[in-house]
Amino acid sequence: MGMTNTNSAFAFTADEVVNKMSERDRSTYLAGMVDGLAQARWIADKPKADGVRCILDWYYQGGDAVQANIKQWFSRHLKTEANGLLYVLIKKECGA
């Protein structure tokens, strides 16, 4: 999944996340991406934590509505890298 050459870096496409990952793997992948983007936001904004709080609240408190929004967005852009698509959703919700 996602990797064709073990000597090169790769990123999962939205298709791989939505259509090829198990629900458990998708949940783990998305949580990791959200946490990484939140950490990057905190580093960029510190000592302010408003951005990181927004990102984490959006994802972890958004429940089924956020998951449906992510799935719909990814399904519209199946060939695009998932991490970039997730960043766009977060930026829309929480700013840059």
PDB file of N, CA and C in Angstrom:
ATOM      1  N   MET A   1       0.835  -1.174   0.000  1.00  0.00           N
ATOM      2  CA  MET A   1       0.000   0.000   0.000  1.00  0.00           C
ATOM      3  C   MET A   1       0.880   1.237   0.000  1.00  0.00           C
ATOM      4  N   GLY A   2       0.810   2.048  -1.012  1.00  0.00           N
ATOM      5  CA  GLY A   2       1.496   3.307  -1.032  1.00  0.00           C
ATOM      6  C   GLY A   2       2.972   3.247  -1.366  1.00  0.00           C
ATOM      7  N   MET A   3       3.608   2.118  -1.190  1.00  0.00           N
ATOM      8  CA  MET A   3       5.037   2.054  -1.408  1.00  0.00           C
ATOM      9  C   MET A   3       5.347   1.085  -2.539  1.00  0.00           C
ATOM     10  N   THR A   4       6.096   1.578  -3.499  1.00  0.00           N
ATOM     11  CA  THR A   4       6.485   0.726  -4.615  1.00  0.00           C
ATOM     12  C   THR A   4       7.964   0.398  -4.578  1.00  0.00           C
ATOM     13  N   ASN A   5       8.737   1.187  -3.865  1.00  0.00           N
ATOM     14  CA  ASN A   5      10.172   0.983  -3.779  1.00  0.00           C
ATOM     15  C   ASN A   5      10.590   1.211  -2.329  1.00  0.00           C
ATOM     16  N   THR A   6      11.162   0.208  -1.707  1.00  0.00           N
ATOM     17  CA  THR A   6      11.504   0.330  -0.292  1.00  0.00           C
ATOM     18  C   THR A   6      12.629   1.313  -0.035  1.00  0.00           C
ATOM     19  N   ASN A   7      13.285   1.805  -1.073  1.00  0.00           N
ATOM     20  CA  ASN A   7      14.370   2.766  -0.905  1.00  0.00           C
ATOM     21  C   ASN A   7      13.925   4.206  -1.095  1.00  0.00           C
ATOM     22  N   SER A   8      12.641   4.447  -1.263  1.00  0.00           N
ATOM     23  CA  SER A   8      12.179   5.809  -1.475  1.00  0.00           C
ATOM     24  C   SER A   8      11.073   6.149  -0.486  1.00  0.00           C
ATOM     25  N   ALA A   9      10.958   7.426  -0.211  1.00  0.00           N
ATOM     26  CA  ALA A   9       9.906   7.901   0.678  1.00  0.00           C
ATOM     27  C   ALA A   9       8.576   7.885  -0.061  1.00  0.00           C
ATOM     28  N   PHE A  10       7.504   7.824   0.686  1.00  0.00           N
ATOM     29  CA  PHE A  10       6.188   7.825   0.063  1.00  0.00           C
ATOM     30  C   PHE A  10       5.194   8.504   0.986  1.00  0.00           C
ATOM     31  N   ALA A  11       4.092   8.887   0.419  1.00  0.00           N
ATOM     32  CA  ALA A  11       2.977   9.423   1.188  1.00  0.00           C
ATOM     33  C   ALA A  11       1.722   8.706   0.713  1.00  0.00           C
ATOM     34  N   PHE A  12       0.843   8.436   1.645  1.00  0.00           N
ATOM     35  CA  PHE A  12      -0.412   7.791   1.282  1.00  0.00           C
ATOM     36  C   PHE A  12      -1.293   8.755   0.511  1.00  0.00           C
ATOM     37  N   THR A  13      -1.949   8.241  -0.516  1.00  0.00           N
ATOM     38  CA  THR A  13      -2.947   9.037  -1.216  1.00  0.00           C
ATOM     39  C   THR A  13      -4.262   8.946  -0.451  1.00  0.00           C
ATOM     40  N   ALA A  14      -5.166   9.852  -0.768  1.00  0.00           N
ATOM     41  CA  ALA A  14      -6.484   9.822  -0.146  1.00  0.00           C
ATOM     42  C   ALA A  14      -7.185   8.499  -0.456  1.00  0.00           C
ATOM     43  N   ASP A  15      -6.980   7.978  -1.656  1.00  0.00           N
ATOM     44  CA  ASP A  15      -7.577   6.698  -2.035  1.00  0.00           C
ATOM     45  C   ASP A  15      -7.114   5.586  -1.102  1.00  0.00           C
ATOM     46  N   GLU A  16      -5.831   5.562  -0.811  1.00  0.00           N
ATOM     47  CA  GLU A  16      -5.306   4.524   0.070  1.00  0.00           C
ATOM     48  C   GLU A  16      -5.880   4.643   1.481  1.00  0.00           C
ATOM     49  N   VAL A  17      -6.031   5.860   1.952  1.00  0.00           N
ATOM     50  CA  VAL A  17      -6.565   6.067   3.292  1.00  0.00           C
ATOM     51  C   VAL A  17      -8.045   5.697   3.354  1.00  0.00           C
ATOM     52  N   VAL A  18      -8.818   6.146   2.386  1.00  0.00           N
ATOM     53  CA  VAL A  18     -10.267   5.942   2.414  1.00  0.00           C
ATOM     54  C   VAL A  18     -10.671   4.530   1.992  1.00  0.00           C
ATOM     55  N   ASN A  19     -10.028   4.007   0.959  1.00  0.00           N
ATOM     56  CA  ASN A  19     -10.510   2.759   0.359  1.00  0.00           C
ATOM     57  C   ASN A  19      -9.677   1.516   0.652  1.00  0.00           C
ATOM     58  N   LYS A  20      -8.463   1.683   1.140  1.00  0.00           N
ATOM     59  CA  LYS A  20      -7.619   0.512   1.307  1.00  0.00           C
ATOM     60  C   LYS A  20      -7.207   0.237   2.744  1.00  0.00           C
ATOM     61  N   MET A  21      -7.309   1.226   3.604  1.00  0.00           N
ATOM     62  CA  MET A  21      -6.971   1.016   5.009  1.00  0.00           C
ATOM     63  C   MET A  21      -8.173   0.473   5.764  1.00  0.00           C
ATOM     64  N   SER A  22      -7.904  -0.369   6.740  1.00  0.00           N
ATOM     65  CA  SER A  22      -8.977  -0.794   7.635  1.00  0.00           C
ATOM     66  C   SER A  22      -9.401   0.422   8.463  1.00  0.00           C
ATOM     67  N   GLU A  23     -10.547   0.343   9.062  1.00  0.00           N
ATOM     68  CA  GLU A  23     -11.016   1.456   9.886  1.00  0.00           C
ATOM     69  C   GLU A  23     -10.022   1.756  11.004  1.00  0.00           C
ATOM     70  N   ARG A  24      -9.480   0.726  11.593  1.00  0.00           N
ATOM     71  CA  ARG A  24      -8.507   0.896  12.682  1.00  0.00           C
ATOM     72  C   ARG A  24      -7.235   1.585  12.171  1.00  0.00           C
ATOM     73  N   ASP A  25      -6.720   1.125  11.039  1.00  0.00           N
ATOM     74  CA  ASP A  25      -5.515   1.738  10.477  1.00  0.00           C
ATOM     75  C   ASP A  25      -5.765   3.184  10.076  1.00  0.00           C
ATOM     76  N   ARG A  26      -6.924   3.442   9.491  1.00  0.00           N
ATOM     77  CA  ARG A  26      -7.275   4.811   9.082  1.00  0.00           C
ATOM     78  C   ARG A  26      -7.345   5.725  10.306  1.00  0.00           C
ATOM     79  N   SER A  27      -7.973   5.253  11.353  1.00  0.00           N
ATOM     80  CA  SER A  27      -8.092   6.036  12.576  1.00  0.00           C
ATOM     81  C   SER A  27      -6.721   6.346  13.165  1.00  0.00           C
ATOM     82  N   THR A  28      -5.853   5.349  13.200  1.00  0.00           N
ATOM     83  CA  THR A  28      -4.498   5.538  13.725  1.00  0.00           C
ATOM     84  C   THR A  28      -3.712   6.507  12.858  1.00  0.00           C
ATOM     85  N   TYR A  29      -3.800   6.338  11.546  1.00  0.00           N
ATOM     86  CA  TYR A  29      -3.086   7.211  10.613  1.00  0.00           C
ATOM     87  C   TYR A  29      -3.534   8.662  10.777  1.00  0.00           C
ATOM     88  N   LEU A  30      -4.845   8.886  10.764  1.00  0.00           N
ATOM     89  CA  LEU A  30      -5.360  10.250  10.857  1.00  0.00           C
ATOM     90  C   LEU A  30      -5.003  10.890  12.192  1.00  0.00           C
ATOM     91  N   ALA A  31      -5.117  10.140  13.279  1.00  0.00           N
ATOM     92  CA  ALA A  31      -4.755  10.684  14.592  1.00  0.00           C
ATOM     93  C   ALA A  31      -3.282  11.077  14.625  1.00  0.00           C
ATOM     94  N   GLY A  32      -2.435  10.263  14.038  1.00  0.00           N
ATOM     95  CA  GLY A  32      -1.017  10.588  13.981  1.00  0.00           C
ATOM     96  C   GLY A  32      -0.752  11.838  13.167  1.00  0.00           C
ATOM     97  N   MET A  33      -1.433  11.957  12.041  1.00  0.00           N
ATOM     98  CA  MET A  33      -1.268  13.148  11.207  1.00  0.00           C
ATOM     99  C   MET A  33      -1.764  14.396  11.930  1.00  0.00           C
ATOM    100  N   VAL A  34      -2.919  14.290  12.561  1.00  0.00           N
ATOM    101  CA  VAL A  34      -3.468  15.436  13.288  1.00  0.00           C
ATOM    102  C   VAL A  34      -2.527  15.839  14.416  1.00  0.00           C
ATOM    103  N   ASP A  35      -2.041  14.872  15.166  1.00  0.00           N
ATOM    104  CA  ASP A  35      -1.124  15.178  16.265  1.00  0.00           C
ATOM    105  C   ASP A  35       0.158  15.824  15.743  1.00  0.00           C
ATOM    106  N   GLY A  36       0.673  15.336  14.631  1.00  0.00           N
ATOM    107  CA  GLY A  36       1.876  15.926  14.048  1.00  0.00           C
ATOM    108  C   GLY A  36       1.649  17.351  13.582  1.00  0.00           C
ATOM    109  N   LEU A  37       0.522  17.593  12.931  1.00  0.00           N
ATOM    110  CA  LEU A  37       0.212  18.946  12.478  1.00  0.00           C
ATOM    111  C   LEU A  37      -0.042  19.883  13.667  1.00  0.00           C
ATOM    112  N   ALA A  38      -0.655  19.356  14.711  1.00  0.00           N
ATOM    113  CA  ALA A  38      -0.874  20.152  15.923  1.00  0.00           C
ATOM    114  C   ALA A  38       0.465  20.504  16.577  1.00  0.00           C
ATOM    115  N   GLN A  39       1.371  19.551  16.627  1.00  0.00           N
ATOM    116  CA  GLN A  39       2.694  19.799  17.207  1.00  0.00           C
ATOM    117  C   GLN A  39       3.443  20.866  16.404  1.00  0.00           C
ATOM    118  N   ALA A  40       3.385  20.769  15.091  1.00  0.00           N
ATOM    119  CA  ALA A  40       4.035  21.765  14.242  1.00  0.00           C
ATOM    120  C   ALA A  40       3.427  23.147  14.479  1.00  0.00           C
ATOM    121  N   ARG A  41       2.134  23.189  14.652  1.00  0.00           N
ATOM    122  CA  ARG A  41       1.448  24.461  14.912  1.00  0.00           C
ATOM    123  C   ARG A  41       1.889  25.044  16.245  1.00  0.00           C
ATOM    124  N   TRP A  42       2.012  24.184  17.251  1.00  0.00           N
ATOM    125  CA  TRP A  42       2.443  24.657  18.564  1.00  0.00           C
ATOM    126  C   TRP A  42       3.857  25.219  18.492  1.00  0.00           C
ATOM    127  N   ILE A  43       4.741  24.544  17.793  1.00  0.00           N
ATOM    128  CA  ILE A  43       6.119  25.017  17.642  1.00  0.00           C
ATOM    129  C   ILE A  43       6.136  26.375  16.946  1.00  0.00           C
ATOM    130  N   ALA A  44       5.317  26.526  15.925  1.00  0.00           N
ATOM    131  CA  ALA A  44       5.262  27.786  15.178  1.00  0.00           C
ATOM    132  C   ALA A  44       4.671  28.931  16.012  1.00  0.00           C
ATOM    133  N   ASP A  45       3.704  28.614  16.859  1.00  0.00           N
ATOM    134  CA  ASP A  45       2.961  29.658  17.584  1.00  0.00           C
ATOM    135  C   ASP A  45       3.422  29.890  19.014  1.00  0.00           C
ATOM    136  N   LYS A  46       4.253  29.012  19.576  1.00  0.00           N
ATOM    137  CA  LYS A  46       4.522  29.103  21.016  1.00  0.00           C
ATOM    138  C   LYS A  46       5.059  30.468  21.384  1.00  0.00           C
ATOM    139  N   PRO A  47       4.665  30.986  22.495  1.00  0.00           N
ATOM    140  CA  PRO A  47       4.039  30.271  23.601  1.00  0.00           C
ATOM    141  C   PRO A  47       2.514  30.193  23.519  1.00  0.00           C
ATOM    142  N   LYS A  48       1.906  30.774  22.474  1.00  0.00           N
ATOM    143  CA  LYS A  48       0.445  30.701  22.350  1.00  0.00           C
ATOM    144  C   LYS A  48       0.023  29.279  21.986  1.00  0.00           C
ATOM    145  N   ALA A  49      -1.061  28.825  22.581  1.00  0.00           N
ATOM    146  CA  ALA A  49      -1.529  27.460  22.337  1.00  0.00           C
ATOM    147  C   ALA A  49      -2.910  27.421  21.692  1.00  0.00           C
ATOM    148  N   ASP A  50      -3.420  28.561  21.258  1.00  0.00           N
ATOM    149  CA  ASP A  50      -4.762  28.598  20.671  1.00  0.00           C
ATOM    150  C   ASP A  50      -4.870  27.711  19.432  1.00  0.00           C
ATOM    151  N   GLY A  51      -3.868  27.763  18.569  1.00  0.00           N
ATOM    152  CA  GLY A  51      -3.894  26.978  17.332  1.00  0.00           C
ATOM    153  C   GLY A  51      -3.868  25.492  17.584  1.00  0.00           C
ATOM    154  N   VAL A  52      -2.972  25.056  18.452  1.00  0.00           N
ATOM    155  CA  VAL A  52      -2.888  23.626  18.748  1.00  0.00           C
ATOM    156  C   VAL A  52      -4.175  23.146  19.413  1.00  0.00           C
ATOM    157  N   ARG A  53      -4.731  23.949  20.298  1.00  0.00           N
ATOM    158  CA  ARG A  53      -6.003  23.574  20.944  1.00  0.00           C
ATOM    159  C   ARG A  53      -7.122  23.465  19.917  1.00  0.00           C
ATOM    160  N   CYS A  54      -7.158  24.397  18.982  1.00  0.00           N
ATOM    161  CA  CYS A  54      -8.190  24.365  17.940  1.00  0.00           C
ATOM    162  C   CYS A  54      -8.096  23.071  17.141  1.00  0.00           C
ATOM    163  N   ILE A  55      -6.884  22.722  16.717  1.00  0.00           N
ATOM    164  CA  ILE A  55      -6.696  21.517  15.900  1.00  0.00           C
ATOM    165  C   ILE A  55      -7.123  20.274  16.663  1.00  0.00           C
ATOM    166  N   LEU A  56      -6.641  20.136  17.888  1.00  0.00           N
ATOM    167  CA  LEU A  56      -6.955  18.937  18.669  1.00  0.00           C
ATOM    168  C   LEU A  56      -8.437  18.868  19.016  1.00  0.00           C
ATOM    169  N   ASP A  57      -9.031  20.000  19.371  1.00  0.00           N
ATOM    170  CA  ASP A  57     -10.470  20.013  19.665  1.00  0.00           C
ATOM    171  C   ASP A  57     -11.284  19.676  18.427  1.00  0.00           C
ATOM    172  N   TRP A  58     -10.908  20.252  17.293  1.00  0.00           N
ATOM    173  CA  TRP A  58     -11.624  19.974  16.050  1.00  0.00           C
ATOM    174  C   TRP A  58     -11.647  18.481  15.767  1.00  0.00           C
ATOM    175  N   TYR A  59     -10.505  17.841  15.862  1.00  0.00           N
ATOM    176  CA  TYR A  59     -10.432  16.425  15.501  1.00  0.00           C
ATOM    177  C   TYR A  59     -11.009  15.513  16.587  1.00  0.00           C
ATOM    178  N   TYR A  60     -10.576  15.692  17.816  1.00  0.00           N
ATOM    179  CA  TYR A  60     -10.951  14.737  18.869  1.00  0.00           C
ATOM    180  C   TYR A  60     -12.326  14.985  19.463  1.00  0.00           C
ATOM    181  N   GLN A  61     -12.852  16.183  19.331  1.00  0.00           N
ATOM    182  CA  GLN A  61     -14.190  16.454  19.853  1.00  0.00           C
ATOM    183  C   GLN A  61     -15.231  16.549  18.748  1.00  0.00           C
ATOM    184  N   GLY A  62     -14.783  16.499  17.509  1.00  0.00           N
ATOM    185  CA  GLY A  62     -15.691  16.634  16.374  1.00  0.00           C
ATOM    186  C   GLY A  62     -16.500  15.392  16.066  1.00  0.00           C
ATOM    187  N   GLY A  63     -16.046  14.253  16.576  1.00  0.00           N
ATOM    188  CA  GLY A  63     -16.788  13.012  16.435  1.00  0.00           C
ATOM    189  C   GLY A  63     -17.040  12.588  14.997  1.00  0.00           C
ATOM    190  N   ASP A  64     -18.201  11.999  14.798  1.00  0.00           N
ATOM    191  CA  ASP A  64     -18.568  11.437  13.502  1.00  0.00           C
ATOM    192  C   ASP A  64     -18.642  12.486  12.399  1.00  0.00           C
ATOM    193  N   ALA A  65     -19.023  13.712  12.756  1.00  0.00           N
ATOM    194  CA  ALA A  65     -19.136  14.766  11.749  1.00  0.00           C
ATOM    195  C   ALA A  65     -17.780  15.083  11.129  1.00  0.00           C
ATOM    196  N   VAL A  66     -16.736  15.146  11.941  1.00  0.00           N
ATOM    197  CA  VAL A  66     -15.394  15.411  11.425  1.00  0.00           C
ATOM    198  C   VAL A  66     -14.917  14.240  10.579  1.00  0.00           C
ATOM    199  N   GLN A  67     -15.151  13.025  11.046  1.00  0.00           N
ATOM    200  CA  GLN A  67     -14.732  11.851  10.288  1.00  0.00           C
ATOM    201  C   GLN A  67     -15.440  11.799   8.933  1.00  0.00           C
ATOM    202  N   ALA A  68     -16.720  12.126   8.907  1.00  0.00           N
ATOM    203  CA  ALA A  68     -17.472  12.147   7.645  1.00  0.00           C
ATOM    204  C   ALA A  68     -16.945  13.236   6.721  1.00  0.00           C
ATOM    205  N   ASN A  69     -16.608  14.390   7.285  1.00  0.00           N
ATOM    206  CA  ASN A  69     -16.068  15.495   6.502  1.00  0.00           C
ATOM    207  C   ASN A  69     -14.725  15.106   5.880  1.00  0.00           C
ATOM    208  N   ILE A  70     -13.869  14.472   6.656  1.00  0.00           N
ATOM    209  CA  ILE A  70     -12.573  14.022   6.145  1.00  0.00           C
ATOM    210  C   ILE A  70     -12.778  13.005   5.028  1.00  0.00           C
ATOM    211  N   LYS A  71     -13.632  12.038   5.262  1.00  0.00           N
ATOM    212  CA  LYS A  71     -13.872  10.993   4.256  1.00  0.00           C
ATOM    213  C   LYS A  71     -14.418  11.597   2.967  1.00  0.00           C
ATOM    214  N   GLN A  72     -15.360  12.519   3.078  1.00  0.00           N
ATOM    215  CA  GLN A  72     -15.934  13.166   1.899  1.00  0.00           C
ATOM    216  C   GLN A  72     -14.861  13.958   1.144  1.00  0.00           C
ATOM    217  N   TRP A  73     -14.056  14.726   1.860  1.00  0.00           N
ATOM    218  CA  TRP A  73     -13.003  15.535   1.254  1.00  0.00           C
ATOM    219  C   TRP A  73     -11.977  14.651   0.558  1.00  0.00           C
ATOM    220  N   PHE A  74     -11.555  13.598   1.240  1.00  0.00           N
ATOM    221  CA  PHE A  74     -10.591  12.675   0.653  1.00  0.00           C
ATOM    222  C   PHE A  74     -11.177  11.987  -0.576  1.00  0.00           C
ATOM    223  N   SER A  75     -12.434  11.618  -0.532  1.00  0.00           N
ATOM    224  CA  SER A  75     -13.079  10.920  -1.643  1.00  0.00           C
ATOM    225  C   SER A  75     -13.174  11.792  -2.899  1.00  0.00           C
ATOM    226  N   ARG A  76     -13.170  13.087  -2.714  1.00  0.00           N
ATOM    227  CA  ARG A  76     -13.201  14.011  -3.853  1.00  0.00           C
ATOM    228  C   ARG A  76     -11.826  14.185  -4.501  1.00  0.00           C
ATOM    229  N   HIS A  77     -10.785  13.787  -3.797  1.00  0.00           N
ATOM    230  CA  HIS A  77      -9.407  14.019  -4.249  1.00  0.00           C
ATOM    231  C   HIS A  77      -8.566  12.759  -4.061  1.00  0.00           C
ATOM    232  N   LEU A  78      -9.010  11.657  -4.630  1.00  0.00           N
ATOM    233  CA  LEU A  78      -8.408  10.354  -4.359  1.00  0.00           C
ATOM    234  C   LEU A  78      -6.932  10.240  -4.713  1.00  0.00           C
ATOM    235  N   LYS A  79      -6.464  10.975  -5.699  1.00  0.00           N
ATOM    236  CA  LYS A  79      -5.068  10.845  -6.122  1.00  0.00           C
ATOM    237  C   LYS A  79      -4.123  11.800  -5.379  1.00  0.00           C
ATOM    238  N   THR A  80      -4.674  12.630  -4.530  1.00  0.00           N
ATOM    239  CA  THR A  80      -3.881  13.616  -3.798  1.00  0.00           C
ATOM    240  C   THR A  80      -3.350  13.005  -2.505  1.00  0.00           C
ATOM    241  N   GLU A  81      -2.173  13.476  -2.085  1.00  0.00           N
ATOM    242  CA  GLU A  81      -1.603  12.995  -0.833  1.00  0.00           C
ATOM    243  C   GLU A  81      -2.519  13.375   0.329  1.00  0.00           C
ATOM    244  N   ALA A  82      -2.778  12.407   1.187  1.00  0.00           N
ATOM    245  CA  ALA A  82      -3.714  12.591   2.290  1.00  0.00           C
ATOM    246  C   ALA A  82      -3.257  13.659   3.275  1.00  0.00           C
ATOM    247  N   ASN A  83      -1.951  13.722   3.534  1.00  0.00           N
ATOM    248  CA  ASN A  83      -1.478  14.695   4.518  1.00  0.00           C
ATOM    249  C   ASN A  83      -1.768  16.136   4.079  1.00  0.00           C
ATOM    250  N   GLY A  84      -1.629  16.427   2.815  1.00  0.00           N
ATOM    251  CA  GLY A  84      -1.940  17.761   2.309  1.00  0.00           C
ATOM    252  C   GLY A  84      -3.421  18.079   2.408  1.00  0.00           C
ATOM    253  N   LEU A  85      -4.249  17.089   2.111  1.00  0.00           N
ATOM    254  CA  LEU A  85      -5.696  17.286   2.211  1.00  0.00           C
ATOM    255  C   LEU A  85      -6.117  17.553   3.649  1.00  0.00           C
ATOM    256  N   LEU A  86      -5.519  16.826   4.581  1.00  0.00           N
ATOM    257  CA  LEU A  86      -5.846  17.031   5.990  1.00  0.00           C
ATOM    258  C   LEU A  86      -5.405  18.422   6.437  1.00  0.00           C
ATOM    259  N   TYR A  87      -4.242  18.853   5.966  1.00  0.00           N
ATOM    260  CA  TYR A  87      -3.763  20.196   6.287  1.00  0.00           C
ATOM    261  C   TYR A  87      -4.758  21.261   5.805  1.00  0.00           C
ATOM    262  N   VAL A  88      -5.304  21.084   4.606  1.00  0.00           N
ATOM    263  CA  VAL A  88      -6.271  22.051   4.073  1.00  0.00           C
ATOM    264  C   VAL A  88      -7.494  22.134   4.983  1.00  0.00           C
ATOM    265  N   LEU A  89      -8.004  20.996   5.441  1.00  0.00           N
ATOM    266  CA  LEU A  89      -9.165  21.005   6.343  1.00  0.00           C
ATOM    267  C   LEU A  89      -8.838  21.708   7.645  1.00  0.00           C
ATOM    268  N   ILE A  90      -7.668  21.426   8.200  1.00  0.00           N
ATOM    269  CA  ILE A  90      -7.269  22.041   9.454  1.00  0.00           C
ATOM    270  C   ILE A  90      -7.084  23.547   9.298  1.00  0.00           C
ATOM    271  N   LYS A  91      -6.460  23.947   8.212  1.00  0.00           N
ATOM    272  CA  LYS A  91      -6.244  25.375   7.955  1.00  0.00           C
ATOM    273  C   LYS A  91      -7.578  26.105   7.828  1.00  0.00           C
ATOM    274  N   LYS A  92      -8.521  25.462   7.160  1.00  0.00           N
ATOM    275  CA  LYS A  92      -9.858  26.060   7.002  1.00  0.00           C
ATOM    276  C   LYS A  92     -10.514  26.247   8.359  1.00  0.00           C
ATOM    277  N   GLU A  93     -10.355  25.273   9.220  1.00  0.00           N
ATOM    278  CA  GLU A  93     -10.999  25.291  10.536  1.00  0.00           C
ATOM    279  C   GLU A  93     -10.256  26.178  11.552  1.00  0.00           C
ATOM    280  N   CYS A  94      -8.932  26.123  11.516  1.00  0.00           N
ATOM    281  CA  CYS A  94      -8.140  26.736  12.593  1.00  0.00           C
ATOM    282  C   CYS A  94      -7.156  27.798  12.119  1.00  0.00           C
ATOM    283  N   GLY A  95      -7.180  28.140  10.845  1.00  0.00           N
ATOM    284  CA  GLY A  95      -6.243  29.127  10.344  1.00  0.00           C
ATOM    285  C   GLY A  95      -4.853  28.554  10.177  1.00  0.00           C
ATOM    286  N   ALA A  96      -3.948  29.389   9.742  1.00  0.00           N
ATOM    287  CA  ALA A  96      -2.572  28.934   9.478  1.00  0.00           C
ATOM    288  C   ALA A  96      -1.674  29.127  10.660  1.00  0.00           C
TER     289      ALA A  96
END
